[in-house]
Amino acid sequence: MTKQITDDLAQALWETLLLHSTKGRLRYGDITAIACEFGLTTKAVTRVWKKGIRSMGGRVAAVVKAGWSRRGRKKVDRAELCKRVAQVPVADRENQRRLQYATNTSAYLI
C-alpha cells in the first residue's frame, strides 16, 4: 500500500474507475476490486472517485491531480535571499532575530 498517490497513478485510477462505471455509478464491490488491483486502500480510491466526479461537472474530462504536491513550504529563491542578507549592515546581522526583521523573512529561511 502506498502512502501518496502520484498524478499518473491517480489518472490511471480515474480512467479505470470510469471504465467500470455506468451512468456515473459504480457497482457494489468495484472500489474494493480496483483498490486491490492498484495496491491502494478503498479510502484512497474513493477519494479519487469523489474528486473526479466533483471536478467533472458537465464536462467529459476531469482533473484528479494529487494534492500532496502543493503542500508544505513554498520554494524560495536562495540567490534573492543572499542578496537581501548582503544588503543588511554587518551590525544588524548580530543575531538571527535582527537579521530576520531586517530582511523581512521568516526564521526558517535565515
PDB file of N, CA and C in Angstrom:
ATOM      1  N   MET A   1       0.832  -1.179   0.000  1.00  0.00           N
ATOM      2  CA  MET A   1       0.000   0.000   0.000  1.00  0.00           C
ATOM      3  C   MET A   1       0.877   1.242   0.000  1.00  0.00           C
ATOM      4  N   THR A   2       0.622   2.135  -0.929  1.00  0.00           N
ATOM      5  CA  THR A   2       1.390   3.365  -0.998  1.00  0.00           C
ATOM      6  C   THR A   2       0.732   4.429  -0.128  1.00  0.00           C
ATOM      7  N   LYS A   3       1.553   5.326   0.386  1.00  0.00           N
ATOM      8  CA  LYS A   3       1.021   6.389   1.228  1.00  0.00           C
ATOM      9  C   LYS A   3       0.524   7.561   0.397  1.00  0.00           C
ATOM     10  N   GLN A   4       1.228   7.869  -0.691  1.00  0.00           N
ATOM     11  CA  GLN A   4       0.853   9.014  -1.508  1.00  0.00           C
ATOM     12  C   GLN A   4       0.639   8.559  -2.948  1.00  0.00           C
ATOM     13  N   ILE A   5      -0.402   9.064  -3.560  1.00  0.00           N
ATOM     14  CA  ILE A   5      -0.722   8.707  -4.935  1.00  0.00           C
ATOM     15  C   ILE A   5      -0.113   9.754  -5.849  1.00  0.00           C
ATOM     16  N   THR A   6       0.638   9.317  -6.851  1.00  0.00           N
ATOM     17  CA  THR A   6       1.206  10.252  -7.817  1.00  0.00           C
ATOM     18  C   THR A   6       0.125  10.671  -8.805  1.00  0.00           C
ATOM     19  N   ASP A   7       0.411  11.718  -9.581  1.00  0.00           N
ATOM     20  CA  ASP A   7      -0.554  12.205 -10.561  1.00  0.00           C
ATOM     21  C   ASP A   7      -0.849  11.154 -11.624  1.00  0.00           C
ATOM     22  N   ASP A   8       0.183  10.437 -12.070  1.00  0.00           N
ATOM     23  CA  ASP A   8      -0.010   9.407 -13.095  1.00  0.00           C
ATOM     24  C   ASP A   8      -0.872   8.265 -12.567  1.00  0.00           C
ATOM     25  N   LEU A   9      -0.615   7.863 -11.331  1.00  0.00           N
ATOM     26  CA  LEU A   9      -1.400   6.786 -10.731  1.00  0.00           C
ATOM     27  C   LEU A   9      -2.848   7.223 -10.530  1.00  0.00           C
ATOM     28  N   ALA A  10      -3.053   8.460 -10.111  1.00  0.00           N
ATOM     29  CA  ALA A  10      -4.412   8.973  -9.914  1.00  0.00           C
ATOM     30  C   ALA A  10      -5.163   9.023 -11.238  1.00  0.00           C
ATOM     31  N   GLN A  11      -4.473   9.415 -12.310  1.00  0.00           N
ATOM     32  CA  GLN A  11      -5.119   9.473 -13.622  1.00  0.00           C
ATOM     33  C   GLN A  11      -5.472   8.075 -14.111  1.00  0.00           C
ATOM     34  N   ALA A  12      -4.561   7.115 -13.941  1.00  0.00           N
ATOM     35  CA  ALA A  12      -4.835   5.735 -14.347  1.00  0.00           C
ATOM     36  C   ALA A  12      -5.981   5.152 -13.523  1.00  0.00           C
ATOM     37  N   LEU A  13      -6.003   5.467 -12.248  1.00  0.00           N
ATOM     38  CA  LEU A  13      -7.071   5.010 -11.367  1.00  0.00           C
ATOM     39  C   LEU A  13      -8.406   5.605 -11.793  1.00  0.00           C
ATOM     40  N   TRP A  14      -8.417   6.874 -12.122  1.00  0.00           N
ATOM     41  CA  TRP A  14      -9.643   7.550 -12.563  1.00  0.00           C
ATOM     42  C   TRP A  14     -10.168   6.933 -13.854  1.00  0.00           C
ATOM     43  N   GLU A  15      -9.268   6.654 -14.801  1.00  0.00           N
ATOM     44  CA  GLU A  15      -9.698   6.051 -16.066  1.00  0.00           C
ATOM     45  C   GLU A  15     -10.256   4.651 -15.845  1.00  0.00           C
ATOM     46  N   THR A  16      -9.650   3.899 -14.940  1.00  0.00           N
ATOM     47  CA  THR A  16     -10.158   2.562 -14.624  1.00  0.00           C
ATOM     48  C   THR A  16     -11.530   2.650 -13.963  1.00  0.00           C
ATOM     49  N   LEU A  17     -11.692   3.605 -13.067  1.00  0.00           N
ATOM     50  CA  LEU A  17     -12.989   3.789 -12.417  1.00  0.00           C
ATOM     51  C   LEU A  17     -14.061   4.176 -13.428  1.00  0.00           C
ATOM     52  N   LEU A  18     -13.698   5.014 -14.392  1.00  0.00           N
ATOM     53  CA  LEU A  18     -14.663   5.399 -15.424  1.00  0.00           C
ATOM     54  C   LEU A  18     -15.071   4.211 -16.285  1.00  0.00           C
ATOM     55  N   LEU A  19     -14.121   3.325 -16.569  1.00  0.00           N
ATOM     56  CA  LEU A  19     -14.441   2.139 -17.364  1.00  0.00           C
ATOM     57  C   LEU A  19     -15.411   1.217 -16.629  1.00  0.00           C
ATOM     58  N   HIS A  20     -15.308   1.161 -15.317  1.00  0.00           N
ATOM     59  CA  HIS A  20     -16.174   0.288 -14.529  1.00  0.00           C
ATOM     60  C   HIS A  20     -17.519   0.930 -14.202  1.00  0.00           C
ATOM     61  N   SER A  21     -17.658   2.225 -14.435  1.00  0.00           N
ATOM     62  CA  SER A  21     -18.892   2.911 -14.046  1.00  0.00           C
ATOM     63  C   SER A  21     -19.912   2.894 -15.172  1.00  0.00           C
ATOM     64  N   THR A  22     -21.181   2.964 -14.784  1.00  0.00           N
ATOM     65  CA  THR A  22     -22.269   3.127 -15.737  1.00  0.00           C
ATOM     66  C   THR A  22     -23.152   4.258 -15.224  1.00  0.00           C
ATOM     67  N   LYS A  23     -23.312   5.268 -16.056  1.00  0.00           N
ATOM     68  CA  LYS A  23     -24.108   6.451 -15.718  1.00  0.00           C
ATOM     69  C   LYS A  23     -23.622   7.123 -14.432  1.00  0.00           C
ATOM     70  N   GLY A  24     -22.307   7.155 -14.251  1.00  0.00           N
ATOM     71  CA  GLY A  24     -21.731   7.835 -13.103  1.00  0.00           C
ATOM     72  C   GLY A  24     -21.831   7.075 -11.796  1.00  0.00           C
ATOM     73  N   ARG A  25     -22.157   5.790 -11.853  1.00  0.00           N
ATOM     74  CA  ARG A  25     -22.275   4.977 -10.638  1.00  0.00           C
ATOM     75  C   ARG A  25     -21.411   3.733 -10.774  1.00  0.00           C
ATOM     76  N   LEU A  26     -20.841   3.315  -9.672  1.00  0.00           N
ATOM     77  CA  LEU A  26     -20.044   2.089  -9.638  1.00  0.00           C
ATOM     78  C   LEU A  26     -20.866   0.965  -9.017  1.00  0.00           C
ATOM     79  N   ARG A  27     -20.641  -0.251  -9.511  1.00  0.00           N
ATOM     80  CA  ARG A  27     -21.334  -1.399  -8.938  1.00  0.00           C
ATOM     81  C   ARG A  27     -20.751  -1.723  -7.567  1.00  0.00           C
ATOM     82  N   TYR A  28     -21.496  -2.477  -6.803  1.00  0.00           N
ATOM     83  CA  TYR A  28     -21.045  -2.900  -5.484  1.00  0.00           C
ATOM     84  C   TYR A  28     -19.787  -3.756  -5.637  1.00  0.00           C
ATOM     85  N   GLY A  29     -18.742  -3.414  -4.907  1.00  0.00           N
ATOM     86  CA  GLY A  29     -17.507  -4.188  -4.928  1.00  0.00           C
ATOM     87  C   GLY A  29     -16.470  -3.701  -5.921  1.00  0.00           C
ATOM     88  N   ASP A  30     -16.833  -2.763  -6.792  1.00  0.00           N
ATOM     89  CA  ASP A  30     -15.873  -2.260  -7.784  1.00  0.00           C
ATOM     90  C   ASP A  30     -14.713  -1.520  -7.125  1.00  0.00           C
ATOM     91  N   ILE A  31     -15.015  -0.691  -6.150  1.00  0.00           N
ATOM     92  CA  ILE A  31     -13.958   0.089  -5.496  1.00  0.00           C
ATOM     93  C   ILE A  31     -12.975  -0.840  -4.789  1.00  0.00           C
ATOM     94  N   THR A  32     -13.487  -1.866  -4.126  1.00  0.00           N
ATOM     95  CA  THR A  32     -12.617  -2.819  -3.433  1.00  0.00           C
ATOM     96  C   THR A  32     -11.745  -3.576  -4.421  1.00  0.00           C
ATOM     97  N   ALA A  33     -12.331  -4.001  -5.539  1.00  0.00           N
ATOM     98  CA  ALA A  33     -11.572  -4.747  -6.548  1.00  0.00           C
ATOM     99  C   ALA A  33     -10.485  -3.880  -7.175  1.00  0.00           C
ATOM    100  N   ILE A  34     -10.813  -2.639  -7.471  1.00  0.00           N
ATOM    101  CA  ILE A  34      -9.840  -1.730  -8.085  1.00  0.00           C
ATOM    102  C   ILE A  34      -8.751  -1.369  -7.076  1.00  0.00           C
ATOM    103  N   ALA A  35      -9.120  -1.222  -5.809  1.00  0.00           N
ATOM    104  CA  ALA A  35      -8.130  -0.934  -4.766  1.00  0.00           C
ATOM    105  C   ALA A  35      -7.125  -2.078  -4.655  1.00  0.00           C
ATOM    106  N   CYS A  36      -7.604  -3.309  -4.710  1.00  0.00           N
ATOM    107  CA  CYS A  36      -6.695  -4.467  -4.667  1.00  0.00           C
ATOM    108  C   CYS A  36      -5.822  -4.516  -5.915  1.00  0.00           C
ATOM    109  N   GLU A  37      -6.396  -4.172  -7.051  1.00  0.00           N
ATOM    110  CA  GLU A  37      -5.657  -4.189  -8.319  1.00  0.00           C
ATOM    111  C   GLU A  37      -4.502  -3.183  -8.308  1.00  0.00           C
ATOM    112  N   PHE A  38      -4.743  -2.006  -7.750  1.00  0.00           N
ATOM    113  CA  PHE A  38      -3.725  -0.956  -7.717  1.00  0.00           C
ATOM    114  C   PHE A  38      -2.877  -0.988  -6.448  1.00  0.00           C
ATOM    115  N   GLY A  39      -3.247  -1.812  -5.484  1.00  0.00           N
ATOM    116  CA  GLY A  39      -2.500  -1.884  -4.232  1.00  0.00           C
ATOM    117  C   GLY A  39      -2.729  -0.681  -3.336  1.00  0.00           C
ATOM    118  N   LEU A  40      -3.948  -0.154  -3.346  1.00  0.00           N
ATOM    119  CA  LEU A  40      -4.305   1.013  -2.543  1.00  0.00           C
ATOM    120  C   LEU A  40      -5.403   0.647  -1.563  1.00  0.00           C
ATOM    121  N   THR A  41      -5.699   1.563  -0.662  1.00  0.00           N
ATOM    122  CA  THR A  41      -6.822   1.361   0.244  1.00  0.00           C
ATOM    123  C   THR A  41      -8.105   1.788  -0.455  1.00  0.00           C
ATOM    124  N   THR A  42      -9.222   1.279   0.036  1.00  0.00           N
ATOM    125  CA  THR A  42     -10.506   1.666  -0.553  1.00  0.00           C
ATOM    126  C   THR A  42     -10.785   3.147  -0.316  1.00  0.00           C
ATOM    127  N   LYS A  43     -10.281   3.666   0.787  1.00  0.00           N
ATOM    128  CA  LYS A  43     -10.465   5.092   1.096  1.00  0.00           C
ATOM    129  C   LYS A  43      -9.771   5.968   0.050  1.00  0.00           C
ATOM    130  N   ALA A  44      -8.569   5.567  -0.369  1.00  0.00           N
ATOM    131  CA  ALA A  44      -7.828   6.340  -1.372  1.00  0.00           C
ATOM    132  C   ALA A  44      -8.547   6.304  -2.715  1.00  0.00           C
ATOM    133  N   VAL A  45      -9.069   5.140  -3.076  1.00  0.00           N
ATOM    134  CA  VAL A  45      -9.795   5.006  -4.345  1.00  0.00           C
ATOM    135  C   VAL A  45     -11.075   5.833  -4.299  1.00  0.00           C
ATOM    136  N   THR A  46     -11.772   5.782  -3.176  1.00  0.00           N
ATOM    137  CA  THR A  46     -12.998   6.569  -3.020  1.00  0.00           C
ATOM    138  C   THR A  46     -12.702   8.055  -3.110  1.00  0.00           C
ATOM    139  N   ARG A  47     -11.575   8.484  -2.537  1.00  0.00           N
ATOM    140  CA  ARG A  47     -11.195   9.897  -2.587  1.00  0.00           C
ATOM    141  C   ARG A  47     -10.957  10.347  -4.028  1.00  0.00           C
ATOM    142  N   VAL A  48     -10.270   9.515  -4.826  1.00  0.00           N
ATOM    143  CA  VAL A  48     -10.023   9.855  -6.230  1.00  0.00           C
ATOM    144  C   VAL A  48     -11.342   9.880  -7.000  1.00  0.00           C
ATOM    145  N   TRP A  49     -12.231   8.930  -6.725  1.00  0.00           N
ATOM    146  CA  TRP A  49     -13.522   8.869  -7.407  1.00  0.00           C
ATOM    147  C   TRP A  49     -14.354  10.122  -7.111  1.00  0.00           C
ATOM    148  N   LYS A  50     -14.443  10.495  -5.845  1.00  0.00           N
ATOM    149  CA  LYS A  50     -15.233  11.672  -5.474  1.00  0.00           C
ATOM    150  C   LYS A  50     -14.624  12.952  -6.034  1.00  0.00           C
ATOM    151  N   LYS A  51     -13.300  13.039  -6.017  1.00  0.00           N
ATOM    152  CA  LYS A  51     -12.633  14.223  -6.561  1.00  0.00           C
ATOM    153  C   LYS A  51     -12.873  14.333  -8.061  1.00  0.00           C
ATOM    154  N   GLY A  52     -12.838  13.205  -8.760  1.00  0.00           N
ATOM    155  CA  GLY A  52     -13.086  13.202 -10.198  1.00  0.00           C
ATOM    156  C   GLY A  52     -14.507  13.588 -10.538  1.00  0.00           C
ATOM    157  N   ILE A  53     -15.465  13.040  -9.806  1.00  0.00           N
ATOM    158  CA  ILE A  53     -16.875  13.361 -10.042  1.00  0.00           C
ATOM    159  C   ILE A  53     -17.137  14.832  -9.762  1.00  0.00           C
ATOM    160  N   ARG A  54     -16.549  15.343  -8.676  1.00  0.00           N
ATOM    161  CA  ARG A  54     -16.755  16.745  -8.305  1.00  0.00           C
ATOM    162  C   ARG A  54     -16.164  17.692  -9.346  1.00  0.00           C
ATOM    163  N   SER A  55     -14.958  17.379  -9.847  1.00  0.00           N
ATOM    164  CA  SER A  55     -14.315  18.284 -10.795  1.00  0.00           C
ATOM    165  C   SER A  55     -14.849  18.104 -12.209  1.00  0.00           C
ATOM    166  N   MET A  56     -15.502  16.990 -12.458  1.00  0.00           N
ATOM    167  CA  MET A  56     -16.001  16.719 -13.801  1.00  0.00           C
ATOM    168  C   MET A  56     -17.181  17.620 -14.149  1.00  0.00           C
ATOM    169  N   GLY A  57     -18.146  17.710 -13.279  1.00  0.00           N
ATOM    170  CA  GLY A  57     -19.312  18.542 -13.543  1.00  0.00           C
ATOM    171  C   GLY A  57     -20.021  18.082 -14.808  1.00  0.00           C
ATOM    172  N   GLY A  58     -20.175  18.976 -15.780  1.00  0.00           N
ATOM    173  CA  GLY A  58     -20.823  18.635 -17.034  1.00  0.00           C
ATOM    174  C   GLY A  58     -19.849  18.278 -18.134  1.00  0.00           C
ATOM    175  N   ARG A  59     -18.552  18.317 -17.823  1.00  0.00           N
ATOM    176  CA  ARG A  59     -17.543  18.042 -18.842  1.00  0.00           C
ATOM    177  C   ARG A  59     -17.272  16.552 -18.949  1.00  0.00           C
ATOM    178  N   VAL A  60     -16.499  16.201 -19.955  1.00  0.00           N
ATOM    179  CA  VAL A  60     -16.132  14.804 -20.169  1.00  0.00           C
ATOM    180  C   VAL A  60     -14.883  14.456 -19.368  1.00  0.00           C
ATOM    181  N   ALA A  61     -13.902  15.354 -19.353  1.00  0.00           N
ATOM    182  CA  ALA A  61     -12.635  15.084 -18.662  1.00  0.00           C
ATOM    183  C   ALA A  61     -12.656  15.701 -17.270  1.00  0.00           C
ATOM    184  N   ALA A  62     -11.880  15.112 -16.385  1.00  0.00           N
ATOM    185  CA  ALA A  62     -11.791  15.614 -15.017  1.00  0.00           C
ATOM    186  C   ALA A  62     -10.332  15.732 -14.613  1.00  0.00           C
ATOM    187  N   VAL A  63     -10.085  16.607 -13.660  1.00  0.00           N
ATOM    188  CA  VAL A  63      -8.735  16.787 -13.141  1.00  0.00           C
ATOM    189  C   VAL A  63      -8.669  16.070 -11.796  1.00  0.00           C
ATOM    190  N   VAL A  64      -7.830  15.045 -11.707  1.00  0.00           N
ATOM    191  CA  VAL A  64      -7.714  14.280 -10.461  1.00  0.00           C
ATOM    192  C   VAL A  64      -6.280  14.291  -9.963  1.00  0.00           C
ATOM    193  N   LYS A  65      -5.611  15.416 -10.130  1.00  0.00           N
ATOM    194  CA  LYS A  65      -4.222  15.509  -9.679  1.00  0.00           C
ATOM    195  C   LYS A  65      -4.151  15.396  -8.167  1.00  0.00           C
ATOM    196  N   ALA A  66      -3.057  14.821  -7.712  1.00  0.00           N
ATOM    197  CA  ALA A  66      -2.855  14.652  -6.275  1.00  0.00           C
ATOM    198  C   ALA A  66      -2.609  16.008  -5.627  1.00  0.00           C
ATOM    199  N   GLY A  67      -3.143  16.186  -4.445  1.00  0.00           N
ATOM    200  CA  GLY A  67      -2.983  17.460  -3.753  1.00  0.00           C
ATOM    201  C   GLY A  67      -1.716  17.562  -2.943  1.00  0.00           C
ATOM    202  N   TRP A  68      -1.067  16.447  -2.681  1.00  0.00           N
ATOM    203  CA  TRP A  68       0.103  16.473  -1.799  1.00  0.00           C
ATOM    204  C   TRP A  68       1.264  17.237  -2.394  1.00  0.00           C
ATOM    205  N   SER A  69       1.313  17.389  -3.712  1.00  0.00           N
ATOM    206  CA  SER A  69       2.444  18.093  -4.312  1.00  0.00           C
ATOM    207  C   SER A  69       2.370  19.602  -4.088  1.00  0.00           C
ATOM    208  N   ARG A  70       1.207  20.106  -3.710  1.00  0.00           N
ATOM    209  CA  ARG A  70       1.050  21.542  -3.478  1.00  0.00           C
ATOM    210  C   ARG A  70       1.153  21.897  -2.000  1.00  0.00           C
ATOM    211  N   ARG A  71       1.474  20.946  -1.170  1.00  0.00           N
ATOM    212  CA  ARG A  71       1.538  21.197   0.265  1.00  0.00           C
ATOM    213  C   ARG A  71       2.956  21.480   0.707  1.00  0.00           C
ATOM    214  N   GLY A  72       3.068  21.979   1.927  1.00  0.00           N
ATOM    215  CA  GLY A  72       4.389  22.210   2.501  1.00  0.00           C
ATOM    216  C   GLY A  72       4.900  23.614   2.239  1.00  0.00           C
ATOM    217  N   ARG A  73       6.131  23.829   2.629  1.00  0.00           N
ATOM    218  CA  ARG A  73       6.740  25.143   2.446  1.00  0.00           C
ATOM    219  C   ARG A  73       7.000  25.406   0.972  1.00  0.00           C
ATOM    220  N   LYS A  74       6.771  26.618   0.571  1.00  0.00           N
ATOM    221  CA  LYS A  74       6.995  27.001  -0.818  1.00  0.00           C
ATOM    222  C   LYS A  74       8.476  27.241  -1.050  1.00  0.00           C
ATOM    223  N   LYS A  75       8.920  27.008  -2.251  1.00  0.00           N
ATOM    224  CA  LYS A  75      10.332  27.176  -2.592  1.00  0.00           C
ATOM    225  C   LYS A  75      10.682  28.660  -2.617  1.00  0.00           C
ATOM    226  N   VAL A  76      11.871  28.980  -2.120  1.00  0.00           N
ATOM    227  CA  VAL A  76      12.348  30.357  -2.070  1.00  0.00           C
ATOM    228  C   VAL A  76      13.642  30.442  -2.862  1.00  0.00           C
ATOM    229  N   ASP A  77      13.772  31.507  -3.627  1.00  0.00           N
ATOM    230  CA  ASP A  77      14.985  31.715  -4.405  1.00  0.00           C
ATOM    231  C   ASP A  77      16.125  32.063  -3.452  1.00  0.00           C
ATOM    232  N   ARG A  78      17.101  31.176  -3.359  1.00  0.00           N
ATOM    233  CA  ARG A  78      18.200  31.368  -2.412  1.00  0.00           C
ATOM    234  C   ARG A  78      19.102  32.538  -2.819  1.00  0.00           C
ATOM    235  N   ALA A  79      19.259  32.778  -4.112  1.00  0.00           N
ATOM    236  CA  ALA A  79      20.084  33.903  -4.560  1.00  0.00           C
ATOM    237  C   ALA A  79      19.459  35.225  -4.111  1.00  0.00           C
ATOM    238  N   GLU A  80      18.147  35.315  -4.210  1.00  0.00           N
ATOM    239  CA  GLU A  80      17.432  36.516  -3.765  1.00  0.00           C
ATOM    240  C   GLU A  80      17.611  36.712  -2.260  1.00  0.00           C
ATOM    241  N   LEU A  81      17.550  35.624  -1.516  1.00  0.00           N
ATOM    242  CA  LEU A  81      17.725  35.698  -0.071  1.00  0.00           C
ATOM    243  C   LEU A  81      19.146  36.137   0.292  1.00  0.00           C
ATOM    244  N   CYS A  82      20.145  35.603  -0.393  1.00  0.00           N
ATOM    245  CA  CYS A  82      21.543  36.000  -0.144  1.00  0.00           C
ATOM    246  C   CYS A  82      21.755  37.478  -0.467  1.00  0.00           C
ATOM    247  N   LYS A  83      21.088  37.948  -1.507  1.00  0.00           N
ATOM    248  CA  LYS A  83      21.196  39.356  -1.886  1.00  0.00           C
ATOM    249  C   LYS A  83      20.605  40.247  -0.793  1.00  0.00           C
ATOM    250  N   ARG A  84      19.463  39.830  -0.229  1.00  0.00           N
ATOM    251  CA  ARG A  84      18.837  40.601   0.842  1.00  0.00           C
ATOM    252  C   ARG A  84      19.712  40.636   2.092  1.00  0.00           C
ATOM    253  N   VAL A  85      20.327  39.497   2.421  1.00  0.00           N
ATOM    254  CA  VAL A  85      21.193  39.431   3.605  1.00  0.00           C
ATOM    255  C   VAL A  85      22.427  40.294   3.401  1.00  0.00           C
ATOM    256  N   ALA A  86      22.964  40.317   2.185  1.00  0.00           N
ATOM    257  CA  ALA A  86      24.163  41.110   1.902  1.00  0.00           C
ATOM    258  C   ALA A  86      23.882  42.607   2.018  1.00  0.00           C
ATOM    259  N   GLN A  87      22.647  43.022   1.777  1.00  0.00           N
ATOM    260  CA  GLN A  87      22.294  44.441   1.856  1.00  0.00           C
ATOM    261  C   GLN A  87      22.165  44.929   3.303  1.00  0.00           C
ATOM    262  N   VAL A  88      22.010  44.010   4.232  1.00  0.00           N
ATOM    263  CA  VAL A  88      21.868  44.380   5.645  1.00  0.00           C
ATOM    264  C   VAL A  88      23.251  44.695   6.206  1.00  0.00           C
ATOM    265  N   PRO A  89      23.397  45.806   6.931  1.00  0.00           N
ATOM    266  CA  PRO A  89      24.698  46.124   7.533  1.00  0.00           C
ATOM    267  C   PRO A  89      25.143  45.023   8.503  1.00  0.00           C
ATOM    268  N   VAL A  90      26.450  44.889   8.645  1.00  0.00           N
ATOM    269  CA  VAL A  90      27.017  43.835   9.491  1.00  0.00           C
ATOM    270  C   VAL A  90      26.556  43.984  10.939  1.00  0.00           C
ATOM    271  N   ALA A  91      26.390  45.201  11.393  1.00  0.00           N
ATOM    272  CA  ALA A  91      25.953  45.432  12.774  1.00  0.00           C
ATOM    273  C   ALA A  91      24.548  44.873  13.021  1.00  0.00           C
ATOM    274  N   ASP A  92      23.713  44.862  11.985  1.00  0.00           N
ATOM    275  CA  ASP A  92      22.348  44.334  12.130  1.00  0.00           C
ATOM    276  C   ASP A  92      22.286  42.820  11.952  1.00  0.00           C
ATOM    277  N   ARG A  93      23.399  42.207  11.628  1.00  0.00           N
ATOM    278  CA  ARG A  93      23.430  40.752  11.453  1.00  0.00           C
ATOM    279  C   ARG A  93      23.933  40.044  12.703  1.00  0.00           C
ATOM    280  N   GLU A  94      23.885  40.718  13.843  1.00  0.00           N
ATOM    281  CA  GLU A  94      24.435  40.154  15.072  1.00  0.00           C
ATOM    282  C   GLU A  94      23.697  38.906  15.539  1.00  0.00           C
ATOM    283  N   ASN A  95      22.396  38.932  15.444  1.00  0.00           N
ATOM    284  CA  ASN A  95      21.649  37.740  15.837  1.00  0.00           C
ATOM    285  C   ASN A  95      20.557  37.447  14.805  1.00  0.00           C
ATOM    286  N   GLN A  96      19.978  36.298  14.954  1.00  0.00           N
ATOM    287  CA  GLN A  96      19.027  35.823  13.952  1.00  0.00           C
ATOM    288  C   GLN A  96      17.769  36.685  13.888  1.00  0.00           C
ATOM    289  N   ARG A  97      17.283  37.127  15.026  1.00  0.00           N
ATOM    290  CA  ARG A  97      16.046  37.901  15.039  1.00  0.00           C
ATOM    291  C   ARG A  97      16.204  39.247  14.338  1.00  0.00           C
ATOM    292  N   ARG A  98      17.314  39.937  14.584  1.00  0.00           N
ATOM    293  CA  ARG A  98      17.542  41.231  13.922  1.00  0.00           C
ATOM    294  C   ARG A  98      17.694  41.046  12.420  1.00  0.00           C
ATOM    295  N   LEU A  99      18.374  39.988  12.024  1.00  0.00           N
ATOM    296  CA  LEU A  99      18.528  39.699  10.597  1.00  0.00           C
ATOM    297  C   LEU A  99      17.184  39.347   9.965  1.00  0.00           C
ATOM    298  N   GLN A 100      16.381  38.638  10.701  1.00  0.00           N
ATOM    299  CA  GLN A 100      15.049  38.270  10.225  1.00  0.00           C
ATOM    300  C   GLN A 100      14.201  39.517   9.961  1.00  0.00           C
ATOM    301  N   TYR A 101      14.209  40.465  10.897  1.00  0.00           N
ATOM    302  CA  TYR A 101      13.437  41.698  10.721  1.00  0.00           C
ATOM    303  C   TYR A 101      14.019  42.577   9.618  1.00  0.00           C
ATOM    304  N   ALA A 102      15.334  42.620   9.511  1.00  0.00           N
ATOM    305  CA  ALA A 102      15.968  43.472   8.502  1.00  0.00           C
ATOM    306  C   ALA A 102      15.713  42.962   7.084  1.00  0.00           C
ATOM    307  N   THR A 103      15.661  41.639   6.918  1.00  0.00           N
ATOM    308  CA  THR A 103      15.438  41.074   5.576  1.00  0.00           C
ATOM    309  C   THR A 103      13.972  40.786   5.301  1.00  0.00           C
ATOM    310  N   ASN A 104      13.122  40.939   6.324  1.00  0.00           N
ATOM    311  CA  ASN A 104      11.691  40.691   6.192  1.00  0.00           C
ATOM    312  C   ASN A 104      11.419  39.251   5.737  1.00  0.00           C
ATOM    313  N   THR A 105      12.060  38.300   6.411  1.00  0.00           N
ATOM    314  CA  THR A 105      11.859  36.880   6.120  1.00  0.00           C
ATOM    315  C   THR A 105      11.554  36.142   7.416  1.00  0.00           C
ATOM    316  N   SER A 106      11.212  34.884   7.287  1.00  0.00           N
ATOM    317  CA  SER A 106      10.929  34.080   8.475  1.00  0.00           C
ATOM    318  C   SER A 106      12.221  33.506   9.038  1.00  0.00           C
ATOM    319  N   ALA A 107      12.146  33.046  10.269  1.00  0.00           N
ATOM    320  CA  ALA A 107      13.318  32.463  10.923  1.00  0.00           C
ATOM    321  C   ALA A 107      13.737  31.170  10.239  1.00  0.00           C
ATOM    322  N   TYR A 108      12.807  30.515   9.589  1.00  0.00           N
ATOM    323  CA  TYR A 108      13.091  29.272   8.874  1.00  0.00           C
ATOM    324  C   TYR A 108      14.116  29.488   7.759  1.00  0.00           C
ATOM    325  N   LEU A 109      14.063  30.647   7.119  1.00  0.00           N
ATOM    326  CA  LEU A 109      14.941  30.914   5.974  1.00  0.00           C
ATOM    327  C   LEU A 109      16.311  31.430   6.375  1.00  0.00           C
ATOM    328  N   ILE A 110      16.455  31.939   7.573  1.00  0.00           N
ATOM    329  CA  ILE A 110      17.734  32.523   7.999  1.00  0.00           C
ATOM    330  C   ILE A 110      18.683  31.433   8.438  1.00  0.00           C
TER     331      ILE A 110
END
